[in-house]
Amino acid sequence: MATSLKVLLTGEDASTDQLDEMARQLRRELLQLDVHDVAPSQGGQAPPGARGWGMAEVGALLVTLNQSATALSSVIDIVRGWRARCRERPTIRLVIDGDVLEISEASPEQAARSFELFVGRHSGNGEQR
């Protein structure tokens, strides 16, 4: 059974085009990993009477992970490195099975520890979930 990780990029001053480009850049890097897929994330359930539903959320990716023990850790390493290189650091929201990690205005040390805890909860390595 594959695990899905939703990655949502937001930015207070970022335009829709900027968020789209950031998501494309991150997707290119994530596709270099041994993952099943990295696709633009589709919006939630359509409201009654909505037209044109199924559009991708701007700045959102859905990463389908392989079952290897290092898959999530590798993805998080890419996300961390990518964010560190961004001139304007976006807020990153990661979601697995309803568990959410959001990194916005954190020191590099705080962000690193938060990413480590998130990976620990979902890596199946015996750390507390």
C-alpha atoms as a PDB file:
ATOM      1  CA  MET A   1       0.000   0.000   0.000  1.00  0.00           C
ATOM      2  CA  ALA A   2       1.460   3.359  -1.048  1.00  0.00           C
ATOM      3  CA  THR A   3       1.491   6.397   1.211  1.00  0.00           C
ATOM      4  CA  SER A   4       0.380   9.802  -0.030  1.00  0.00           C
ATOM      5  CA  LEU A   5       1.955  13.039   1.135  1.00  0.00           C
ATOM      6  CA  LYS A   6       0.268  16.304   0.272  1.00  0.00           C
ATOM      7  CA  VAL A   7       2.597  19.290  -0.038  1.00  0.00           C
ATOM      8  CA  LEU A   8       0.978  22.720  -0.073  1.00  0.00           C
ATOM      9  CA  LEU A   9       2.992  25.873  -0.741  1.00  0.00           C
ATOM     10  CA  THR A  10       1.597  29.244   0.259  1.00  0.00           C
ATOM     11  CA  GLY A  11       3.051  32.708   0.544  1.00  0.00           C
ATOM     12  CA  GLU A  12       1.647  35.916   1.907  1.00  0.00           C
ATOM     13  CA  ASP A  13       2.983  37.980  -0.964  1.00  0.00           C
ATOM     14  CA  ALA A  14       3.197  35.261  -3.616  1.00  0.00           C
ATOM     15  CA  SER A  15       1.007  35.448  -6.691  1.00  0.00           C
ATOM     16  CA  THR A  16      -0.776  32.464  -8.163  1.00  0.00           C
ATOM     17  CA  ASP A  17       1.842  32.336 -10.929  1.00  0.00           C
ATOM     18  CA  GLN A  18       4.708  32.402  -8.412  1.00  0.00           C
ATOM     19  CA  LEU A  19       3.166  29.590  -6.362  1.00  0.00           C
ATOM     20  CA  ASP A  20       2.596  27.566  -9.514  1.00  0.00           C
ATOM     21  CA  GLU A  21       6.219  28.027 -10.589  1.00  0.00           C
ATOM     22  CA  MET A  22       7.509  27.107  -7.114  1.00  0.00           C
ATOM     23  CA  ALA A  23       5.402  23.939  -7.165  1.00  0.00           C
ATOM     24  CA  ARG A  24       6.741  23.057 -10.617  1.00  0.00           C
ATOM     25  CA  GLN A  25      10.340  23.517  -9.439  1.00  0.00           C
ATOM     26  CA  LEU A  26       9.775  21.375  -6.359  1.00  0.00           C
ATOM     27  CA  ARG A  27       7.987  18.732  -8.438  1.00  0.00           C
ATOM     28  CA  ARG A  28      10.966  18.470 -10.807  1.00  0.00           C
ATOM     29  CA  GLU A  29      13.271  17.814  -7.856  1.00  0.00           C
ATOM     30  CA  LEU A  30      10.921  15.303  -6.237  1.00  0.00           C
ATOM     31  CA  LEU A  31      10.580  13.357  -9.482  1.00  0.00           C
ATOM     32  CA  GLN A  32      14.294  12.586  -9.272  1.00  0.00           C
ATOM     33  CA  LEU A  33      13.569  10.394  -6.243  1.00  0.00           C
ATOM     34  CA  ASP A  34      12.311   6.833  -6.178  1.00  0.00           C
ATOM     35  CA  VAL A  35       8.640   7.753  -5.714  1.00  0.00           C
ATOM     36  CA  HIS A  36       5.555   6.412  -7.501  1.00  0.00           C
ATOM     37  CA  ASP A  37       4.355   9.825  -8.608  1.00  0.00           C
ATOM     38  CA  VAL A  38       4.380  13.561  -7.938  1.00  0.00           C
ATOM     39  CA  ALA A  39       1.286  15.228  -9.342  1.00  0.00           C
ATOM     40  CA  PRO A  40      -0.505  18.517  -8.918  1.00  0.00           C
ATOM     41  CA  SER A  41      -3.049  18.002  -6.158  1.00  0.00           C
ATOM     42  CA  GLN A  42      -6.686  18.204  -7.134  1.00  0.00           C
ATOM     43  CA  GLY A  43      -9.067  20.382  -5.163  1.00  0.00           C
ATOM     44  CA  GLY A  44     -11.344  18.886  -2.552  1.00  0.00           C
ATOM     45  CA  GLN A  45     -14.897  17.725  -3.111  1.00  0.00           C
ATOM     46  CA  ALA A  46     -16.876  19.846  -5.512  1.00  0.00           C
ATOM     47  CA  PRO A  47     -19.529  22.074  -4.035  1.00  0.00           C
ATOM     48  CA  PRO A  48     -23.069  21.411  -5.296  1.00  0.00           C
ATOM     49  CA  GLY A  49     -23.555  22.909  -8.757  1.00  0.00           C
ATOM     50  CA  ALA A  50     -19.850  23.703  -9.265  1.00  0.00           C
ATOM     51  CA  ARG A  51     -18.507  23.687 -12.820  1.00  0.00           C
ATOM     52  CA  GLY A  52     -15.009  22.867 -13.954  1.00  0.00           C
ATOM     53  CA  TRP A  53     -14.175  21.023 -10.781  1.00  0.00           C
ATOM     54  CA  GLY A  54     -11.074  18.865 -10.691  1.00  0.00           C
ATOM     55  CA  MET A  55      -8.711  21.759 -11.246  1.00  0.00           C
ATOM     56  CA  ALA A  56      -5.356  21.483  -9.537  1.00  0.00           C
ATOM     57  CA  GLU A  57      -4.857  23.496  -6.387  1.00  0.00           C
ATOM     58  CA  VAL A  58      -2.245  26.180  -6.972  1.00  0.00           C
ATOM     59  CA  GLY A  59       0.957  25.360  -5.116  1.00  0.00           C
ATOM     60  CA  ALA A  60      -0.197  21.872  -4.119  1.00  0.00           C
ATOM     61  CA  LEU A  61       1.440  18.551  -4.932  1.00  0.00           C
ATOM     62  CA  LEU A  62       0.479  14.986  -4.108  1.00  0.00           C
ATOM     63  CA  VAL A  63       3.499  12.735  -3.662  1.00  0.00           C
ATOM     64  CA  THR A  64       2.796   9.009  -3.788  1.00  0.00           C
ATOM     65  CA  LEU A  65       5.602   7.347  -1.877  1.00  0.00           C
ATOM     66  CA  ASN A  66       7.099   3.916  -2.357  1.00  0.00           C
ATOM     67  CA  GLN A  67       7.099   1.624   0.644  1.00  0.00           C
ATOM     68  CA  SER A  68      10.851   1.859   1.239  1.00  0.00           C
ATOM     69  CA  ALA A  69      11.910   2.840   4.740  1.00  0.00           C
ATOM     70  CA  THR A  70      13.733   5.906   3.431  1.00  0.00           C
ATOM     71  CA  ALA A  71      11.134   7.215   0.966  1.00  0.00           C
ATOM     72  CA  LEU A  72       9.552   9.811   3.250  1.00  0.00           C
ATOM     73  CA  SER A  73      12.896  10.893   4.644  1.00  0.00           C
ATOM     74  CA  SER A  74      14.256  11.415   1.123  1.00  0.00           C
ATOM     75  CA  VAL A  75      11.227  13.485   0.124  1.00  0.00           C
ATOM     76  CA  ILE A  76      11.510  15.629   3.259  1.00  0.00           C
ATOM     77  CA  ASP A  77      15.230  16.177   2.597  1.00  0.00           C
ATOM     78  CA  ILE A  78      14.398  17.462  -0.889  1.00  0.00           C
ATOM     79  CA  VAL A  79      11.621  19.730   0.443  1.00  0.00           C
ATOM     80  CA  ARG A  80      13.929  21.135   3.158  1.00  0.00           C
ATOM     81  CA  GLY A  81      16.774  21.802   0.736  1.00  0.00           C
ATOM     82  CA  TRP A  82      14.476  23.307  -1.883  1.00  0.00           C
ATOM     83  CA  ARG A  83      12.874  25.648   0.670  1.00  0.00           C
ATOM     84  CA  ALA A  84      16.282  26.731   1.982  1.00  0.00           C
ATOM     85  CA  ARG A  85      17.284  27.772  -1.553  1.00  0.00           C
ATOM     86  CA  CYS A  86      14.118  29.795  -2.182  1.00  0.00           C
ATOM     87  CA  ARG A  87      14.690  33.529  -2.225  1.00  0.00           C
ATOM     88  CA  GLU A  88      11.271  34.096  -0.696  1.00  0.00           C
ATOM     89  CA  ARG A  89      10.612  31.119   1.556  1.00  0.00           C
ATOM     90  CA  PRO A  90       7.059  29.871   1.197  1.00  0.00           C
ATOM     91  CA  THR A  91       5.032  28.363   3.985  1.00  0.00           C
ATOM     92  CA  ILE A  92       5.036  24.612   3.543  1.00  0.00           C
ATOM     93  CA  ARG A  93       2.193  22.453   4.785  1.00  0.00           C
ATOM     94  CA  LEU A  94       2.701  18.665   4.723  1.00  0.00           C
ATOM     95  CA  VAL A  95      -0.189  16.267   5.297  1.00  0.00           C
ATOM     96  CA  ILE A  96      -0.149  12.478   5.740  1.00  0.00           C
ATOM     97  CA  ASP A  97      -3.265  10.671   6.952  1.00  0.00           C
ATOM     98  CA  GLY A  98      -4.625  13.831   8.574  1.00  0.00           C
ATOM     99  CA  ASP A  99      -1.364  14.618  10.408  1.00  0.00           C
ATOM    100  CA  VAL A 100      -0.252  18.129   9.467  1.00  0.00           C
ATOM    101  CA  LEU A 101       3.106  19.864   9.685  1.00  0.00           C
ATOM    102  CA  GLU A 102       3.252  23.536   8.746  1.00  0.00           C
ATOM    103  CA  ILE A 103       6.549  25.387   8.504  1.00  0.00           C
ATOM    104  CA  SER A 104       6.425  29.133   8.007  1.00  0.00           C
ATOM    105  CA  GLU A 105       8.466  31.508  10.124  1.00  0.00           C
ATOM    106  CA  ALA A 106      10.789  29.129  11.924  1.00  0.00           C
ATOM    107  CA  SER A 107      14.518  29.171  12.462  1.00  0.00           C
ATOM    108  CA  PRO A 108      16.447  26.581  10.450  1.00  0.00           C
ATOM    109  CA  GLU A 109      16.941  24.599  13.665  1.00  0.00           C
ATOM    110  CA  GLN A 110      13.226  24.683  14.550  1.00  0.00           C
ATOM    111  CA  ALA A 111      12.256  23.668  11.023  1.00  0.00           C
ATOM    112  CA  ALA A 112      14.789  20.824  10.993  1.00  0.00           C
ATOM    113  CA  ARG A 113      13.503  19.447  14.301  1.00  0.00           C
ATOM    114  CA  SER A 114       9.883  19.712  13.152  1.00  0.00           C
ATOM    115  CA  PHE A 115      10.672  17.854   9.922  1.00  0.00           C
ATOM    116  CA  GLU A 116      12.511  15.150  11.916  1.00  0.00           C
ATOM    117  CA  LEU A 117       9.555  14.654  14.255  1.00  0.00           C
ATOM    118  CA  PHE A 118       7.146  14.449  11.319  1.00  0.00           C
ATOM    119  CA  VAL A 119       9.276  11.826   9.574  1.00  0.00           C
ATOM    120  CA  GLY A 120       9.588   9.887  12.837  1.00  0.00           C
ATOM    121  CA  ARG A 121       5.826   9.727  13.227  1.00  0.00           C
ATOM    122  CA  HIS A 122       5.380   8.256   9.748  1.00  0.00           C
ATOM    123  CA  SER A 123       8.507   6.246   9.047  1.00  0.00           C
ATOM    124  CA  GLY A 124       7.543   3.141  11.017  1.00  0.00           C
ATOM    125  CA  ASN A 125      10.888   3.117  12.780  1.00  0.00           C
ATOM    126  CA  GLY A 126       9.389   2.710  16.214  1.00  0.00           C
ATOM    127  CA  GLU A 127       9.167   6.383  17.164  1.00  0.00           C
ATOM    128  CA  GLN A 128       5.907   7.595  18.602  1.00  0.00           C
ATOM    129  CA  ARG A 129       3.153   8.196  16.051  1.00  0.00           C
END
